[in-house]
Amino acid sequence: FENTLADSLTNRQSFRAGLSIFDIEPGVMRLKAGEPARLRLVNVSQGAHSFSAPDFFRAARLRSRDERHLSDGGIAVPANDVREVVLVPAAGRYSVRCGNFLHWIIGMRSEIIVE
């Protein structure tokens, strides 16, 4: 698996998710199933956020060195920081939310569609 990801570094899909005060952009992220993807999580706010998508991460295959970023189905991103992981997504529709309950209730959520 690691070699497959390494061999496809130049051809992989990528997407950026921006985490800001009570928002995750874009509202819908689209990926191709079975193709390596780089997920770049950018927190542009003064507070910590998390990109929580338990079903998405459970179904995907993460590069082993990136598994350290994953905890309880999400990736914590400190204020004004970036986390990047490489994975192979599985087909499906997945909800994404901030791991902070109040942020999620206020509307900090998104969706990943993998086809």
C-alpha atoms as a PDB file:
ATOM      1  CA  PHE A   1       0.000   0.000   0.000  1.00  0.00           C
ATOM      2  CA  GLU A   2       2.755   2.452   0.924  1.00  0.00           C
ATOM      3  CA  ASN A   3       4.512   1.792  -2.390  1.00  0.00           C
ATOM      4  CA  THR A   4       1.280   2.355  -4.304  1.00  0.00           C
ATOM      5  CA  LEU A   5       0.868   5.740  -2.671  1.00  0.00           C
ATOM      6  CA  ALA A   6       4.513   6.648  -3.241  1.00  0.00           C
ATOM      7  CA  ASP A   7       4.298   5.667  -6.913  1.00  0.00           C
ATOM      8  CA  SER A   8       1.230   7.840  -7.476  1.00  0.00           C
ATOM      9  CA  LEU A   9       2.404  11.012  -5.723  1.00  0.00           C
ATOM     10  CA  THR A  10       2.380  13.094  -8.894  1.00  0.00           C
ATOM     11  CA  ASN A  11      -0.990  11.830 -10.124  1.00  0.00           C
ATOM     12  CA  ARG A  12      -3.056  11.904  -6.966  1.00  0.00           C
ATOM     13  CA  GLN A  13      -6.110  14.016  -6.401  1.00  0.00           C
ATOM     14  CA  SER A  14      -6.069  16.540  -3.619  1.00  0.00           C
ATOM     15  CA  PHE A  15      -8.511  18.692  -1.771  1.00  0.00           C
ATOM     16  CA  ARG A  16      -8.235  21.487   0.721  1.00  0.00           C
ATOM     17  CA  ALA A  17     -10.670  21.911   3.562  1.00  0.00           C
ATOM     18  CA  GLY A  18     -10.619  25.297   5.215  1.00  0.00           C
ATOM     19  CA  LEU A  19     -11.582  25.393   8.884  1.00  0.00           C
ATOM     20  CA  SER A  20     -12.616  28.801  10.178  1.00  0.00           C
ATOM     21  CA  ILE A  21     -14.911  30.205  12.808  1.00  0.00           C
ATOM     22  CA  PHE A  22     -18.007  27.990  12.592  1.00  0.00           C
ATOM     23  CA  ASP A  23     -17.401  26.979   8.957  1.00  0.00           C
ATOM     24  CA  ILE A  24     -15.859  24.203   6.866  1.00  0.00           C
ATOM     25  CA  GLU A  25     -15.200  25.061   3.221  1.00  0.00           C
ATOM     26  CA  PRO A  26     -16.051  23.762   0.741  1.00  0.00           C
ATOM     27  CA  GLY A  27     -19.514  22.611   1.780  1.00  0.00           C
ATOM     28  CA  VAL A  28     -19.204  19.552  -0.459  1.00  0.00           C
ATOM     29  CA  MET A  29     -15.937  17.806  -1.338  1.00  0.00           C
ATOM     30  CA  ARG A  30     -15.809  15.319  -4.222  1.00  0.00           C
ATOM     31  CA  LEU A  31     -13.233  12.562  -4.616  1.00  0.00           C
ATOM     32  CA  LYS A  32     -12.720   9.559  -6.861  1.00  0.00           C
ATOM     33  CA  ALA A  33     -13.028   6.200  -5.136  1.00  0.00           C
ATOM     34  CA  GLY A  34      -9.936   4.018  -5.024  1.00  0.00           C
ATOM     35  CA  GLU A  35      -7.543   6.775  -6.141  1.00  0.00           C
ATOM     36  CA  PRO A  36      -4.935   8.157  -3.722  1.00  0.00           C
ATOM     37  CA  ALA A  37      -5.831  11.601  -2.405  1.00  0.00           C
ATOM     38  CA  ARG A  38      -4.082  14.257  -0.374  1.00  0.00           C
ATOM     39  CA  LEU A  39      -6.322  15.853   2.259  1.00  0.00           C
ATOM     40  CA  ARG A  40      -5.023  19.240   3.386  1.00  0.00           C
ATOM     41  CA  LEU A  41      -6.799  20.666   6.434  1.00  0.00           C
ATOM     42  CA  VAL A  42      -6.109  24.361   6.965  1.00  0.00           C
ATOM     43  CA  ASN A  43      -7.266  26.067  10.159  1.00  0.00           C
ATOM     44  CA  VAL A  44      -7.337  29.823   9.576  1.00  0.00           C
ATOM     45  CA  SER A  45      -8.884  30.698  12.935  1.00  0.00           C
ATOM     46  CA  GLN A  46      -7.463  31.635  16.324  1.00  0.00           C
ATOM     47  CA  GLY A  47      -8.947  28.520  17.954  1.00  0.00           C
ATOM     48  CA  ALA A  48      -8.409  24.788  17.488  1.00  0.00           C
ATOM     49  CA  HIS A  49     -10.825  22.794  15.328  1.00  0.00           C
ATOM     50  CA  SER A  50     -11.134  19.203  14.236  1.00  0.00           C
ATOM     51  CA  PHE A  51     -12.193  17.631  10.958  1.00  0.00           C
ATOM     52  CA  SER A  52     -14.400  14.822  12.213  1.00  0.00           C
ATOM     53  CA  ALA A  53     -15.550  12.230   9.646  1.00  0.00           C
ATOM     54  CA  PRO A  54     -15.527   8.839  11.411  1.00  0.00           C
ATOM     55  CA  ASP A  55     -17.255   6.875   8.640  1.00  0.00           C
ATOM     56  CA  PHE A  56     -15.034   8.399   5.949  1.00  0.00           C
ATOM     57  CA  PHE A  57     -11.794   7.634   7.771  1.00  0.00           C
ATOM     58  CA  ARG A  58     -12.983   4.164   8.794  1.00  0.00           C
ATOM     59  CA  ALA A  59     -13.710   3.280   5.139  1.00  0.00           C
ATOM     60  CA  ALA A  60     -10.525   4.867   3.727  1.00  0.00           C
ATOM     61  CA  ARG A  61      -7.003   3.456   3.770  1.00  0.00           C
ATOM     62  CA  LEU A  62      -4.613   5.965   5.336  1.00  0.00           C
ATOM     63  CA  ARG A  63      -0.896   6.092   4.723  1.00  0.00           C
ATOM     64  CA  SER A  64       0.601   4.515   7.842  1.00  0.00           C
ATOM     65  CA  ARG A  65       2.612   7.577   8.880  1.00  0.00           C
ATOM     66  CA  ASP A  66      -0.569   9.687   8.731  1.00  0.00           C
ATOM     67  CA  GLU A  67      -2.574   7.469  11.085  1.00  0.00           C
ATOM     68  CA  ARG A  68      -1.006   9.328  14.034  1.00  0.00           C
ATOM     69  CA  HIS A  69      -3.134  12.374  13.160  1.00  0.00           C
ATOM     70  CA  LEU A  70      -6.390  10.417  13.437  1.00  0.00           C
ATOM     71  CA  SER A  71      -8.157  10.183  16.790  1.00  0.00           C
ATOM     72  CA  ASP A  72     -11.793   9.217  17.433  1.00  0.00           C
ATOM     73  CA  GLY A  73     -12.629   9.521  13.738  1.00  0.00           C
ATOM     74  CA  GLY A  74     -11.202  12.993  13.307  1.00  0.00           C
ATOM     75  CA  ILE A  75      -8.071  15.044  12.849  1.00  0.00           C
ATOM     76  CA  ALA A  76      -7.363  17.883  15.263  1.00  0.00           C
ATOM     77  CA  VAL A  77      -5.930  21.026  13.703  1.00  0.00           C
ATOM     78  CA  PRO A  78      -4.454  23.627  16.069  1.00  0.00           C
ATOM     79  CA  ALA A  79      -5.137  27.332  15.533  1.00  0.00           C
ATOM     80  CA  ASN A  80      -3.467  28.762  12.423  1.00  0.00           C
ATOM     81  CA  ASP A  81      -2.001  25.391  11.478  1.00  0.00           C
ATOM     82  CA  VAL A  82      -2.229  22.703   8.799  1.00  0.00           C
ATOM     83  CA  ARG A  83      -2.578  18.908   8.892  1.00  0.00           C
ATOM     84  CA  GLU A  84      -2.082  16.847   5.774  1.00  0.00           C
ATOM     85  CA  VAL A  85      -2.835  13.168   5.220  1.00  0.00           C
ATOM     86  CA  VAL A  86      -2.717  10.855   2.222  1.00  0.00           C
ATOM     87  CA  LEU A  87      -5.402   8.219   1.846  1.00  0.00           C
ATOM     88  CA  VAL A  88      -7.372   6.111  -0.594  1.00  0.00           C
ATOM     89  CA  PRO A  89     -11.083   6.915  -0.197  1.00  0.00           C
ATOM     90  CA  ALA A  90     -13.898   4.385  -0.487  1.00  0.00           C
ATOM     91  CA  ALA A  91     -17.105   5.128  -2.390  1.00  0.00           C
ATOM     92  CA  GLY A  92     -19.899   6.680  -0.353  1.00  0.00           C
ATOM     93  CA  ARG A  93     -21.372   9.856   1.088  1.00  0.00           C
ATOM     94  CA  TYR A  94     -19.847  10.981   4.357  1.00  0.00           C
ATOM     95  CA  SER A  95     -20.762  13.720   6.782  1.00  0.00           C
ATOM     96  CA  VAL A  96     -18.048  15.958   8.182  1.00  0.00           C
ATOM     97  CA  ARG A  97     -18.300  18.180  11.221  1.00  0.00           C
ATOM     98  CA  CYS A  98     -16.146  19.988  13.700  1.00  0.00           C
ATOM     99  CA  GLY A  99     -15.454  17.804  16.708  1.00  0.00           C
ATOM    100  CA  ASN A 100     -16.508  20.647  19.002  1.00  0.00           C
ATOM    101  CA  PHE A 101     -20.208  20.038  19.693  1.00  0.00           C
ATOM    102  CA  LEU A 102     -21.138  23.725  19.849  1.00  0.00           C
ATOM    103  CA  HIS A 103     -19.340  24.484  16.571  1.00  0.00           C
ATOM    104  CA  TRP A 104     -21.163  21.591  14.893  1.00  0.00           C
ATOM    105  CA  ILE A 105     -24.558  22.742  16.171  1.00  0.00           C
ATOM    106  CA  ILE A 106     -23.933  26.261  14.855  1.00  0.00           C
ATOM    107  CA  GLY A 107     -23.255  24.871  11.378  1.00  0.00           C
ATOM    108  CA  MET A 108     -19.611  23.844  11.117  1.00  0.00           C
ATOM    109  CA  ARG A 109     -20.205  20.851   8.870  1.00  0.00           C
ATOM    110  CA  SER A 110     -19.623  19.612   5.350  1.00  0.00           C
ATOM    111  CA  GLU A 111     -19.966  16.503   3.191  1.00  0.00           C
ATOM    112  CA  ILE A 112     -17.574  14.273   1.277  1.00  0.00           C
ATOM    113  CA  ILE A 113     -18.897  12.472  -1.801  1.00  0.00           C
ATOM    114  CA  VAL A 114     -16.691   9.707  -3.148  1.00  0.00           C
ATOM    115  CA  GLU A 115     -17.703   8.169  -6.503  1.00  0.00           C
END
